[in-house]
Amino acid sequence: MRQIAKAQTVIKQLNKRFKGLKAVDGSEWTGNVEDNDYIWLKGMYEQEETVHSPWGSIECMEPSPMNEFLQARGWYMEPYDSMTVMAYKI
């Protein structure tokens, strides 16, 4: 069974690998310090290494460097709304 990386570890790795991503834990999204078990990808739409559909949404299940990076660590990304993307543990 694959070991799932902790949110803070993945955040550090994401921000190092994808410059300008601005990944933070969910507590910055909600203002609740207990919401630290998922990741808000604040700068997602500024990234060239993501997959966008013609309608501006992210094709989260398509192969991309971002998806491969997250899945290798036991995480996946999912749109929250039209301009917000979160990452969750698989």
C-alpha atoms as a PDB file:
ATOM      1  CA  MET A   1       0.000   0.000   0.000  1.00  0.00           C
ATOM      2  CA  ARG A   2       1.257   3.453  -0.943  1.00  0.00           C
ATOM      3  CA  GLN A   3       2.113   5.802   1.892  1.00  0.00           C
ATOM      4  CA  ILE A   4       0.226   9.096   1.710  1.00  0.00           C
ATOM      5  CA  ALA A   5       2.391  12.137   2.321  1.00  0.00           C
ATOM      6  CA  LYS A   6       1.330  14.685   4.935  1.00  0.00           C
ATOM      7  CA  ALA A   7      -0.229  17.934   3.725  1.00  0.00           C
ATOM      8  CA  GLN A   8       2.610  20.162   4.952  1.00  0.00           C
ATOM      9  CA  THR A   9       5.187  17.951   3.226  1.00  0.00           C
ATOM     10  CA  VAL A  10       3.282  18.037  -0.061  1.00  0.00           C
ATOM     11  CA  ILE A  11       2.789  21.810   0.213  1.00  0.00           C
ATOM     12  CA  LYS A  12       6.538  22.380   0.550  1.00  0.00           C
ATOM     13  CA  GLN A  13       7.271  20.041  -2.355  1.00  0.00           C
ATOM     14  CA  LEU A  14       4.588  21.604  -4.575  1.00  0.00           C
ATOM     15  CA  ASN A  15       5.816  25.147  -3.966  1.00  0.00           C
ATOM     16  CA  LYS A  16       9.382  24.096  -4.730  1.00  0.00           C
ATOM     17  CA  ARG A  17       8.483  22.188  -7.917  1.00  0.00           C
ATOM     18  CA  PHE A  18       5.813  24.551  -9.312  1.00  0.00           C
ATOM     19  CA  LYS A  19       7.034  28.114  -8.822  1.00  0.00           C
ATOM     20  CA  GLY A  20       4.207  30.544  -8.162  1.00  0.00           C
ATOM     21  CA  LEU A  21       1.711  27.836  -7.201  1.00  0.00           C
ATOM     22  CA  LYS A  22       1.179  29.317  -3.729  1.00  0.00           C
ATOM     23  CA  ALA A  23      -0.046  26.036  -2.224  1.00  0.00           C
ATOM     24  CA  VAL A  24      -1.292  26.379   1.363  1.00  0.00           C
ATOM     25  CA  ASP A  25      -3.325  24.206   3.692  1.00  0.00           C
ATOM     26  CA  GLY A  26      -7.085  24.501   3.843  1.00  0.00           C
ATOM     27  CA  SER A  27      -7.042  26.636   6.968  1.00  0.00           C
ATOM     28  CA  GLU A  28      -6.084  29.637   4.851  1.00  0.00           C
ATOM     29  CA  TRP A  29      -9.196  29.036   2.716  1.00  0.00           C
ATOM     30  CA  THR A  30     -11.632  28.668   5.622  1.00  0.00           C
ATOM     31  CA  GLY A  31      -9.944  30.596   8.416  1.00  0.00           C
ATOM     32  CA  ASN A  32     -10.303  27.517  10.644  1.00  0.00           C
ATOM     33  CA  VAL A  33      -6.931  26.200  11.880  1.00  0.00           C
ATOM     34  CA  GLU A  34      -8.358  22.676  12.048  1.00  0.00           C
ATOM     35  CA  ASP A  35      -8.819  22.582   8.253  1.00  0.00           C
ATOM     36  CA  ASN A  36      -5.234  21.547   7.615  1.00  0.00           C
ATOM     37  CA  ASP A  37      -5.754  18.127   6.014  1.00  0.00           C
ATOM     38  CA  TYR A  38      -6.250  19.364   2.443  1.00  0.00           C
ATOM     39  CA  ILE A  39      -4.416  21.785   0.166  1.00  0.00           C
ATOM     40  CA  TRP A  40      -5.599  24.962  -1.536  1.00  0.00           C
ATOM     41  CA  LEU A  41      -3.734  25.476  -4.806  1.00  0.00           C
ATOM     42  CA  LYS A  42      -4.022  29.279  -4.764  1.00  0.00           C
ATOM     43  CA  GLY A  43      -1.981  29.994  -7.894  1.00  0.00           C
ATOM     44  CA  MET A  44      -3.231  27.042  -9.933  1.00  0.00           C
ATOM     45  CA  TYR A  45      -4.521  29.064 -12.861  1.00  0.00           C
ATOM     46  CA  GLU A  46      -1.163  30.811 -13.215  1.00  0.00           C
ATOM     47  CA  GLN A  47       0.570  27.461 -13.866  1.00  0.00           C
ATOM     48  CA  GLU A  48       1.520  26.368 -17.366  1.00  0.00           C
ATOM     49  CA  GLU A  49       1.888  22.736 -16.302  1.00  0.00           C
ATOM     50  CA  THR A  50      -1.792  22.138 -15.658  1.00  0.00           C
ATOM     51  CA  VAL A  51      -4.421  20.992 -18.108  1.00  0.00           C
ATOM     52  CA  HIS A  52      -7.227  23.433 -18.902  1.00  0.00           C
ATOM     53  CA  SER A  53     -10.363  22.690 -20.879  1.00  0.00           C
ATOM     54  CA  PRO A  54     -11.636  25.184 -23.473  1.00  0.00           C
ATOM     55  CA  TRP A  55     -14.096  26.424 -20.850  1.00  0.00           C
ATOM     56  CA  GLY A  56     -11.346  27.375 -18.401  1.00  0.00           C
ATOM     57  CA  SER A  57     -11.812  24.477 -16.001  1.00  0.00           C
ATOM     58  CA  ILE A  58      -9.074  22.071 -15.068  1.00  0.00           C
ATOM     59  CA  GLU A  59      -9.209  18.561 -16.403  1.00  0.00           C
ATOM     60  CA  CYS A  60      -8.089  17.004 -13.133  1.00  0.00           C
ATOM     61  CA  MET A  61      -8.046  13.431 -14.335  1.00  0.00           C
ATOM     62  CA  GLU A  62      -5.900  14.083 -17.431  1.00  0.00           C
ATOM     63  CA  PRO A  63      -2.193  13.244 -17.323  1.00  0.00           C
ATOM     64  CA  SER A  64      -0.130  16.313 -16.458  1.00  0.00           C
ATOM     65  CA  PRO A  65       2.998  17.037 -14.428  1.00  0.00           C
ATOM     66  CA  MET A  66       0.795  18.335 -11.595  1.00  0.00           C
ATOM     67  CA  ASN A  67      -1.427  15.238 -11.503  1.00  0.00           C
ATOM     68  CA  GLU A  68       1.540  12.876 -11.661  1.00  0.00           C
ATOM     69  CA  PHE A  69       3.296  14.803  -8.889  1.00  0.00           C
ATOM     70  CA  LEU A  70       0.263  14.678  -6.583  1.00  0.00           C
ATOM     71  CA  GLN A  71      -0.694  11.072  -7.331  1.00  0.00           C
ATOM     72  CA  ALA A  72       2.843   9.877  -6.617  1.00  0.00           C
ATOM     73  CA  ARG A  73       2.362  11.259  -3.096  1.00  0.00           C
ATOM     74  CA  GLY A  74      -1.138   9.853  -2.574  1.00  0.00           C
ATOM     75  CA  TRP A  75      -3.079  13.019  -3.419  1.00  0.00           C
ATOM     76  CA  TYR A  76      -5.415  14.200  -6.187  1.00  0.00           C
ATOM     77  CA  MET A  77      -6.688  17.619  -7.251  1.00  0.00           C
ATOM     78  CA  GLU A  78     -10.284  18.641  -7.715  1.00  0.00           C
ATOM     79  CA  PRO A  79     -11.965  21.916  -8.736  1.00  0.00           C
ATOM     80  CA  TYR A  80     -13.867  23.543  -5.885  1.00  0.00           C
ATOM     81  CA  ASP A  81     -15.421  26.177  -8.115  1.00  0.00           C
ATOM     82  CA  SER A  82     -14.579  27.839 -11.430  1.00  0.00           C
ATOM     83  CA  MET A  83     -11.321  29.430 -10.215  1.00  0.00           C
ATOM     84  CA  THR A  84     -10.442  27.384  -7.124  1.00  0.00           C
ATOM     85  CA  VAL A  85      -8.625  24.056  -7.013  1.00  0.00           C
ATOM     86  CA  MET A  86      -8.034  21.896  -3.945  1.00  0.00           C
ATOM     87  CA  ALA A  87      -5.934  18.775  -3.407  1.00  0.00           C
ATOM     88  CA  TYR A  88      -7.077  15.913  -1.184  1.00  0.00           C
ATOM     89  CA  LYS A  89      -5.649  12.626   0.015  1.00  0.00           C
ATOM     90  CA  ILE A  90      -6.543   9.663  -2.165  1.00  0.00           C
END
